[in-house]
Amino acid sequence: MRPSIAVEESVIQLGSNLRSARLRRRLPQSVVADRAGISLNTLSKIENGDCGVSIGNIASVLNALGLSPLLSCLLYTSDAADDLI
């Protein structure tokens, strides 16, 4: 089943943002993929907005780029978290 257009657009934007974060850090794909424990092909799929990549792989890339606090803010369950999201 294909995701909605809104989901596809969000995943494409996420991939673009992750690519920008990697480039700002002057890191080649090979280094980020190695740090994340994923293949270059999987990192390329993430950066290109492929909706078929697992959330675990995306989380690994966030961690490899030092962006895991962004993922952590989604884990809050209190009403205070509503202000973060």
PDB file of N, CA and C in Angstrom:
ATOM      1  N   MET A   1       0.838  -1.181   0.000  1.00  0.00           N
ATOM      2  CA  MET A   1       0.000   0.000   0.000  1.00  0.00           C
ATOM      3  C   MET A   1       0.885   1.247   0.000  1.00  0.00           C
ATOM      4  N   ARG A   2       0.545   2.165  -0.807  1.00  0.00           N
ATOM      5  CA  ARG A   2       1.315   3.395  -0.949  1.00  0.00           C
ATOM      6  C   ARG A   2       0.894   4.409   0.126  1.00  0.00           C
ATOM      7  N   PRO A   3       1.877   5.108   0.729  1.00  0.00           N
ATOM      8  CA  PRO A   3       1.533   6.117   1.731  1.00  0.00           C
ATOM      9  C   PRO A   3       0.870   7.331   1.086  1.00  0.00           C
ATOM     10  N   SER A   4       0.233   8.133   1.912  1.00  0.00           N
ATOM     11  CA  SER A   4      -0.433   9.331   1.401  1.00  0.00           C
ATOM     12  C   SER A   4       0.590  10.321   0.852  1.00  0.00           C
ATOM     13  N   ILE A   5       0.113  11.238   0.064  1.00  0.00           N
ATOM     14  CA  ILE A   5       0.990  12.272  -0.497  1.00  0.00           C
ATOM     15  C   ILE A   5       1.631  13.087   0.615  1.00  0.00           C
ATOM     16  N   ALA A   6       0.878  13.377   1.670  1.00  0.00           N
ATOM     17  CA  ALA A   6       1.420  14.152   2.792  1.00  0.00           C
ATOM     18  C   ALA A   6       2.578  13.413   3.458  1.00  0.00           C
ATOM     19  N   VAL A   7       2.431  12.099   3.612  1.00  0.00           N
ATOM     20  CA  VAL A   7       3.505  11.299   4.216  1.00  0.00           C
ATOM     21  C   VAL A   7       4.706  11.283   3.278  1.00  0.00           C
ATOM     22  N   GLU A   8       4.482  11.055   2.002  1.00  0.00           N
ATOM     23  CA  GLU A   8       5.585  11.046   1.039  1.00  0.00           C
ATOM     24  C   GLU A   8       6.347  12.360   1.059  1.00  0.00           C
ATOM     25  N   GLU A   9       5.628  13.471   1.071  1.00  0.00           N
ATOM     26  CA  GLU A   9       6.277  14.785   1.097  1.00  0.00           C
ATOM     27  C   GLU A   9       7.080  14.985   2.378  1.00  0.00           C
ATOM     28  N   SER A  10       6.545  14.513   3.497  1.00  0.00           N
ATOM     29  CA  SER A  10       7.258  14.643   4.775  1.00  0.00           C
ATOM     30  C   SER A  10       8.532  13.822   4.787  1.00  0.00           C
ATOM     31  N   VAL A  11       8.474  12.621   4.246  1.00  0.00           N
ATOM     32  CA  VAL A  11       9.647  11.750   4.211  1.00  0.00           C
ATOM     33  C   VAL A  11      10.705  12.322   3.264  1.00  0.00           C
ATOM     34  N   ILE A  12      10.271  12.890   2.165  1.00  0.00           N
ATOM     35  CA  ILE A  12      11.210  13.544   1.242  1.00  0.00           C
ATOM     36  C   ILE A  12      11.890  14.724   1.933  1.00  0.00           C
ATOM     37  N   GLN A  13      11.116  15.517   2.668  1.00  0.00           N
ATOM     38  CA  GLN A  13      11.690  16.659   3.390  1.00  0.00           C
ATOM     39  C   GLN A  13      12.656  16.195   4.479  1.00  0.00           C
ATOM     40  N   LEU A  14      12.299  15.131   5.187  1.00  0.00           N
ATOM     41  CA  LEU A  14      13.185  14.570   6.212  1.00  0.00           C
ATOM     42  C   LEU A  14      14.505  14.143   5.582  1.00  0.00           C
ATOM     43  N   GLY A  15      14.441  13.430   4.470  1.00  0.00           N
ATOM     44  CA  GLY A  15      15.654  12.988   3.788  1.00  0.00           C
ATOM     45  C   GLY A  15      16.517  14.157   3.349  1.00  0.00           C
ATOM     46  N   SER A  16      15.888  15.183   2.831  1.00  0.00           N
ATOM     47  CA  SER A  16      16.615  16.379   2.412  1.00  0.00           C
ATOM     48  C   SER A  16      17.285  17.061   3.597  1.00  0.00           C
ATOM     49  N   ASN A  17      16.568  17.136   4.711  1.00  0.00           N
ATOM     50  CA  ASN A  17      17.122  17.745   5.917  1.00  0.00           C
ATOM     51  C   ASN A  17      18.304  16.933   6.453  1.00  0.00           C
ATOM     52  N   LEU A  18      18.200  15.615   6.410  1.00  0.00           N
ATOM     53  CA  LEU A  18      19.298  14.776   6.869  1.00  0.00           C
ATOM     54  C   LEU A  18      20.515  14.918   5.960  1.00  0.00           C
ATOM     55  N   ARG A  19      20.287  15.007   4.658  1.00  0.00           N
ATOM     56  CA  ARG A  19      21.401  15.234   3.728  1.00  0.00           C
ATOM     57  C   ARG A  19      22.074  16.573   4.027  1.00  0.00           C
ATOM     58  N   SER A  20      21.277  17.605   4.244  1.00  0.00           N
ATOM     59  CA  SER A  20      21.830  18.929   4.562  1.00  0.00           C
ATOM     60  C   SER A  20      22.636  18.892   5.854  1.00  0.00           C
ATOM     61  N   ALA A  21      22.123  18.183   6.855  1.00  0.00           N
ATOM     62  CA  ALA A  21      22.840  18.071   8.133  1.00  0.00           C
ATOM     63  C   ALA A  21      24.170  17.355   7.932  1.00  0.00           C
ATOM     64  N   ARG A  22      24.166  16.312   7.112  1.00  0.00           N
ATOM     65  CA  ARG A  22      25.403  15.587   6.832  1.00  0.00           C
ATOM     66  C   ARG A  22      26.406  16.481   6.114  1.00  0.00           C
ATOM     67  N   LEU A  23      25.955  17.215   5.133  1.00  0.00           N
ATOM     68  CA  LEU A  23      26.844  18.081   4.369  1.00  0.00           C
ATOM     69  C   LEU A  23      27.379  19.239   5.210  1.00  0.00           C
ATOM     70  N   ARG A  24      26.544  19.792   6.096  1.00  0.00           N
ATOM     71  CA  ARG A  24      27.022  20.852   6.997  1.00  0.00           C
ATOM     72  C   ARG A  24      28.152  20.350   7.885  1.00  0.00           C
ATOM     73  N   ARG A  25      28.098  19.068   8.214  1.00  0.00           N
ATOM     74  CA  ARG A  25      29.139  18.460   9.046  1.00  0.00           C
ATOM     75  C   ARG A  25      30.331  17.985   8.209  1.00  0.00           C
ATOM     76  N   ARG A  26      30.232  18.192   6.888  1.00  0.00           N
ATOM     77  CA  ARG A  26      31.274  17.776   5.951  1.00  0.00           C
ATOM     78  C   ARG A  26      31.596  16.277   6.069  1.00  0.00           C
ATOM     79  N   LEU A  27      30.550  15.484   6.207  1.00  0.00           N
ATOM     80  CA  LEU A  27      30.715  14.039   6.326  1.00  0.00           C
ATOM     81  C   LEU A  27      30.289  13.359   5.032  1.00  0.00           C
ATOM     82  N   PRO A  28      31.125  12.478   4.507  1.00  0.00           N
ATOM     83  CA  PRO A  28      30.699  11.715   3.334  1.00  0.00           C
ATOM     84  C   PRO A  28      29.661  10.666   3.731  1.00  0.00           C
ATOM     85  N   GLN A  29      28.889  10.232   2.760  1.00  0.00           N
ATOM     86  CA  GLN A  29      27.875   9.212   3.024  1.00  0.00           C
ATOM     87  C   GLN A  29      28.488   7.967   3.633  1.00  0.00           C
ATOM     88  N   SER A  30      29.668   7.595   3.195  1.00  0.00           N
ATOM     89  CA  SER A  30      30.285   6.363   3.685  1.00  0.00           C
ATOM     90  C   SER A  30      30.528   6.417   5.190  1.00  0.00           C
ATOM     91  N   VAL A  31      30.926   7.564   5.706  1.00  0.00           N
ATOM     92  CA  VAL A  31      31.187   7.707   7.142  1.00  0.00           C
ATOM     93  C   VAL A  31      29.885   7.629   7.932  1.00  0.00           C
ATOM     94  N   VAL A  32      28.866   8.323   7.464  1.00  0.00           N
ATOM     95  CA  VAL A  32      27.574   8.307   8.173  1.00  0.00           C
ATOM     96  C   VAL A  32      26.968   6.911   8.132  1.00  0.00           C
ATOM     97  N   ALA A  33      27.020   6.270   6.989  1.00  0.00           N
ATOM     98  CA  ALA A  33      26.482   4.911   6.873  1.00  0.00           C
ATOM     99  C   ALA A  33      27.211   3.969   7.823  1.00  0.00           C
ATOM    100  N   ASP A  34      28.533   4.081   7.876  1.00  0.00           N
ATOM    101  CA  ASP A  34      29.320   3.229   8.773  1.00  0.00           C
ATOM    102  C   ASP A  34      28.951   3.492  10.229  1.00  0.00           C
ATOM    103  N   ARG A  35      28.868   4.746  10.613  1.00  0.00           N
ATOM    104  CA  ARG A  35      28.505   5.095  11.995  1.00  0.00           C
ATOM    105  C   ARG A  35      27.101   4.629  12.355  1.00  0.00           C
ATOM    106  N   ALA A  36      26.218   4.657  11.360  1.00  0.00           N
ATOM    107  CA  ALA A  36      24.829   4.254  11.596  1.00  0.00           C
ATOM    108  C   ALA A  36      24.641   2.744  11.502  1.00  0.00           C
ATOM    109  N   GLY A  37      25.628   2.046  10.977  1.00  0.00           N
ATOM    110  CA  GLY A  37      25.523   0.595  10.824  1.00  0.00           C
ATOM    111  C   GLY A  37      24.579   0.178   9.715  1.00  0.00           C
ATOM    112  N   ILE A  38      24.516   1.010   8.669  1.00  0.00           N
ATOM    113  CA  ILE A  38      23.648   0.710   7.525  1.00  0.00           C
ATOM    114  C   ILE A  38      24.483   0.762   6.253  1.00  0.00           C
ATOM    115  N   SER A  39      23.907   0.289   5.163  1.00  0.00           N
ATOM    116  CA  SER A  39      24.617   0.319   3.884  1.00  0.00           C
ATOM    117  C   SER A  39      24.529   1.710   3.260  1.00  0.00           C
ATOM    118  N   LEU A  40      25.446   1.976   2.336  1.00  0.00           N
ATOM    119  CA  LEU A  40      25.390   3.225   1.569  1.00  0.00           C
ATOM    120  C   LEU A  40      24.070   3.330   0.812  1.00  0.00           C
ATOM    121  N   ASN A  41      23.601   2.204   0.290  1.00  0.00           N
ATOM    122  CA  ASN A  41      22.342   2.184  -0.444  1.00  0.00           C
ATOM    123  C   ASN A  41      21.181   2.619   0.453  1.00  0.00           C
ATOM    124  N   THR A  42      21.164   2.137   1.686  1.00  0.00           N
ATOM    125  CA  THR A  42      20.088   2.510   2.612  1.00  0.00           C
ATOM    126  C   THR A  42      20.165   3.990   2.957  1.00  0.00           C
ATOM    127  N   LEU A  43      21.365   4.510   3.200  1.00  0.00           N
ATOM    128  CA  LEU A  43      21.504   5.939   3.480  1.00  0.00           C
ATOM    129  C   LEU A  43      21.044   6.766   2.293  1.00  0.00           C
ATOM    130  N   SER A  44      21.399   6.334   1.091  1.00  0.00           N
ATOM    131  CA  SER A  44      20.954   7.035  -0.114  1.00  0.00           C
ATOM    132  C   SER A  44      19.423   7.040  -0.204  1.00  0.00           C
ATOM    133  N   LYS A  45      18.793   5.912   0.103  1.00  0.00           N
ATOM    134  CA  LYS A  45      17.327   5.840   0.097  1.00  0.00           C
ATOM    135  C   LYS A  45      16.730   6.817   1.103  1.00  0.00           C
ATOM    136  N   ILE A  46      17.330   6.889   2.289  1.00  0.00           N
ATOM    137  CA  ILE A  46      16.832   7.818   3.319  1.00  0.00           C
ATOM    138  C   ILE A  46      16.935   9.250   2.817  1.00  0.00           C
ATOM    139  N   GLU A  47      18.107   9.610   2.302  1.00  0.00           N
ATOM    140  CA  GLU A  47      18.321  10.982   1.838  1.00  0.00           C
ATOM    141  C   GLU A  47      17.455  11.330   0.632  1.00  0.00           C
ATOM    142  N   ASN A  48      17.032  10.321  -0.118  1.00  0.00           N
ATOM    143  CA  ASN A  48      16.173  10.557  -1.283  1.00  0.00           C
ATOM    144  C   ASN A  48      14.686  10.430  -0.969  1.00  0.00           C
ATOM    145  N   GLY A  49      14.357  10.208   0.305  1.00  0.00           N
ATOM    146  CA  GLY A  49      12.956  10.200   0.707  1.00  0.00           C
ATOM    147  C   GLY A  49      12.198   8.930   0.414  1.00  0.00           C
ATOM    148  N   ASP A  50      12.871   7.797   0.422  1.00  0.00           N
ATOM    149  CA  ASP A  50      12.220   6.505   0.194  1.00  0.00           C
ATOM    150  C   ASP A  50      11.389   6.139   1.422  1.00  0.00           C
ATOM    151  N   CYS A  51      10.092   5.954   1.232  1.00  0.00           N
ATOM    152  CA  CYS A  51       9.180   5.637   2.340  1.00  0.00           C
ATOM    153  C   CYS A  51       9.329   4.211   2.858  1.00  0.00           C
ATOM    154  N   GLY A  52      10.097   3.384   2.175  1.00  0.00           N
ATOM    155  CA  GLY A  52      10.240   1.992   2.571  1.00  0.00           C
ATOM    156  C   GLY A  52      11.354   1.729   3.575  1.00  0.00           C
ATOM    157  N   VAL A  53      12.052   2.758   4.005  1.00  0.00           N
ATOM    158  CA  VAL A  53      13.162   2.586   4.949  1.00  0.00           C
ATOM    159  C   VAL A  53      12.603   2.532   6.371  1.00  0.00           C
ATOM    160  N   SER A  54      13.161   1.644   7.188  1.00  0.00           N
ATOM    161  CA  SER A  54      12.636   1.472   8.542  1.00  0.00           C
ATOM    162  C   SER A  54      12.952   2.669   9.432  1.00  0.00           C
ATOM    163  N   ILE A  55      12.090   2.897  10.400  1.00  0.00           N
ATOM    164  CA  ILE A  55      12.294   3.975  11.364  1.00  0.00           C
ATOM    165  C   ILE A  55      13.571   3.735  12.169  1.00  0.00           C
ATOM    166  N   GLY A  56      13.934   2.476  12.370  1.00  0.00           N
ATOM    167  CA  GLY A  56      15.167   2.162  13.073  1.00  0.00           C
ATOM    168  C   GLY A  56      16.394   2.652  12.321  1.00  0.00           C
ATOM    169  N   ASN A  57      16.384   2.502  11.006  1.00  0.00           N
ATOM    170  CA  ASN A  57      17.502   2.996  10.204  1.00  0.00           C
ATOM    171  C   ASN A  57      17.563   4.519  10.219  1.00  0.00           C
ATOM    172  N   ILE A  58      16.418   5.158  10.177  1.00  0.00           N
ATOM    173  CA  ILE A  58      16.384   6.623  10.252  1.00  0.00           C
ATOM    174  C   ILE A  58      16.900   7.081  11.611  1.00  0.00           C
ATOM    175  N   ALA A  59      16.492   6.403  12.671  1.00  0.00           N
ATOM    176  CA  ALA A  59      16.975   6.738  14.014  1.00  0.00           C
ATOM    177  C   ALA A  59      18.480   6.558  14.109  1.00  0.00           C
ATOM    178  N   SER A  60      19.013   5.536  13.467  1.00  0.00           N
ATOM    179  CA  SER A  60      20.463   5.305  13.465  1.00  0.00           C
ATOM    180  C   SER A  60      21.204   6.446  12.774  1.00  0.00           C
ATOM    181  N   VAL A  61      20.640   6.949  11.695  1.00  0.00           N
ATOM    182  CA  VAL A  61      21.256   8.079  10.994  1.00  0.00           C
ATOM    183  C   VAL A  61      21.189   9.342  11.850  1.00  0.00           C
ATOM    184  N   LEU A  62      20.057   9.573  12.488  1.00  0.00           N
ATOM    185  CA  LEU A  62      19.950  10.720  13.399  1.00  0.00           C
ATOM    186  C   LEU A  62      21.029  10.651  14.468  1.00  0.00           C
ATOM    187  N   ASN A  63      21.215   9.485  15.031  1.00  0.00           N
ATOM    188  CA  ASN A  63      22.233   9.292  16.059  1.00  0.00           C
ATOM    189  C   ASN A  63      23.635   9.519  15.485  1.00  0.00           C
ATOM    190  N   ALA A  64      23.902   8.989  14.307  1.00  0.00           N
ATOM    191  CA  ALA A  64      25.216   9.133  13.677  1.00  0.00           C
ATOM    192  C   ALA A  64      25.549  10.598  13.393  1.00  0.00           C
ATOM    193  N   LEU A  65      24.513  11.405  13.169  1.00  0.00           N
ATOM    194  CA  LEU A  65      24.709  12.829  12.902  1.00  0.00           C
ATOM    195  C   LEU A  65      24.654  13.679  14.170  1.00  0.00           C
ATOM    196  N   GLY A  66      24.477  13.031  15.307  1.00  0.00           N
ATOM    197  CA  GLY A  66      24.380  13.773  16.561  1.00  0.00           C
ATOM    198  C   GLY A  66      23.043  14.449  16.748  1.00  0.00           C
ATOM    199  N   LEU A  67      22.021  13.944  16.084  1.00  0.00           N
ATOM    200  CA  LEU A  67      20.687  14.544  16.135  1.00  0.00           C
ATOM    201  C   LEU A  67      19.687  13.708  16.922  1.00  0.00           C
ATOM    202  N   SER A  68      20.164  12.764  17.715  1.00  0.00           N
ATOM    203  CA  SER A  68      19.237  11.905  18.454  1.00  0.00           C
ATOM    204  C   SER A  68      18.352  12.665  19.436  1.00  0.00           C
ATOM    205  N   PRO A  69      18.751  13.852  19.959  1.00  0.00           N
ATOM    206  CA  PRO A  69      17.808  14.589  20.819  1.00  0.00           C
ATOM    207  C   PRO A  69      16.504  14.948  20.100  1.00  0.00           C
ATOM    208  N   LEU A  70      16.564  15.123  18.777  1.00  0.00           N
ATOM    209  CA  LEU A  70      15.332  15.397  18.026  1.00  0.00           C
ATOM    210  C   LEU A  70      14.377  14.220  18.083  1.00  0.00           C
ATOM    211  N   LEU A  71      14.924  13.025  18.020  1.00  0.00           N
ATOM    212  CA  LEU A  71      14.107  11.819  18.110  1.00  0.00           C
ATOM    213  C   LEU A  71      13.594  11.639  19.529  1.00  0.00           C
ATOM    214  N   SER A  72      14.430  11.955  20.498  1.00  0.00           N
ATOM    215  CA  SER A  72      14.057  11.794  21.900  1.00  0.00           C
ATOM    216  C   SER A  72      12.844  12.642  22.267  1.00  0.00           C
ATOM    217  N   CYS A  73      12.708  13.817  21.672  1.00  0.00           N
ATOM    218  CA  CYS A  73      11.572  14.677  22.028  1.00  0.00           C
ATOM    219  C   CYS A  73      10.246  14.056  21.617  1.00  0.00           C
ATOM    220  N   LEU A  74      10.266  13.123  20.680  1.00  0.00           N
ATOM    221  CA  LEU A  74       9.047  12.445  20.263  1.00  0.00           C
ATOM    222  C   LEU A  74       8.623  11.343  21.233  1.00  0.00           C
ATOM    223  N   LEU A  75       9.499  11.011  22.166  1.00  0.00           N
ATOM    224  CA  LEU A  75       9.228   9.920  23.092  1.00  0.00           C
ATOM    225  C   LEU A  75       8.452  10.350  24.327  1.00  0.00           C
ATOM    226  N   TYR A  76       8.378  11.645  24.575  1.00  0.00           N
ATOM    227  CA  TYR A  76       7.649  12.127  25.750  1.00  0.00           C
ATOM    228  C   TYR A  76       6.181  11.745  25.653  1.00  0.00           C
ATOM    229  N   THR A  77       5.596  11.432  26.800  1.00  0.00           N
ATOM    230  CA  THR A  77       4.181  11.067  26.811  1.00  0.00           C
ATOM    231  C   THR A  77       3.334  12.068  27.579  1.00  0.00           C
ATOM    232  N   SER A  78       3.945  13.046  28.199  1.00  0.00           N
ATOM    233  CA  SER A  78       3.188  14.014  28.987  1.00  0.00           C
ATOM    234  C   SER A  78       2.605  15.102  28.097  1.00  0.00           C
ATOM    235  N   ASP A  79       1.699  15.880  28.667  1.00  0.00           N
ATOM    236  CA  ASP A  79       1.107  16.988  27.942  1.00  0.00           C
ATOM    237  C   ASP A  79       2.155  18.031  27.584  1.00  0.00           C
ATOM    238  N   ALA A  80       3.236  18.126  28.341  1.00  0.00           N
ATOM    239  CA  ALA A  80       4.297  19.085  28.064  1.00  0.00           C
ATOM    240  C   ALA A  80       4.940  18.798  26.705  1.00  0.00           C
ATOM    241  N   ALA A  81       4.905  17.554  26.292  1.00  0.00           N
ATOM    242  CA  ALA A  81       5.499  17.188  25.001  1.00  0.00           C
ATOM    243  C   ALA A  81       4.745  17.811  23.837  1.00  0.00           C
ATOM    244  N   ASP A  82       3.472  18.128  24.039  1.00  0.00           N
ATOM    245  CA  ASP A  82       2.692  18.752  22.980  1.00  0.00           C
ATOM    246  C   ASP A  82       3.319  20.063  22.519  1.00  0.00           C
ATOM    247  N   ASP A  83       4.005  20.746  23.424  1.00  0.00           N
ATOM    248  CA  ASP A  83       4.650  22.001  23.079  1.00  0.00           C
ATOM    249  C   ASP A  83       5.901  21.788  22.232  1.00  0.00           C
ATOM    250  N   LEU A  84       6.482  20.590  22.311  1.00  0.00           N
ATOM    251  CA  LEU A  84       7.699  20.283  21.569  1.00  0.00           C
ATOM    252  C   LEU A  84       7.416  19.834  20.145  1.00  0.00           C
ATOM    253  N   ILE A  85       6.242  19.309  19.930  1.00  0.00           N
ATOM    254  CA  ILE A  85       5.923  18.704  18.636  1.00  0.00           C
ATOM    255  C   ILE A  85       5.083  19.633  17.791  1.00  0.00           C
TER     256      ILE A  85
END
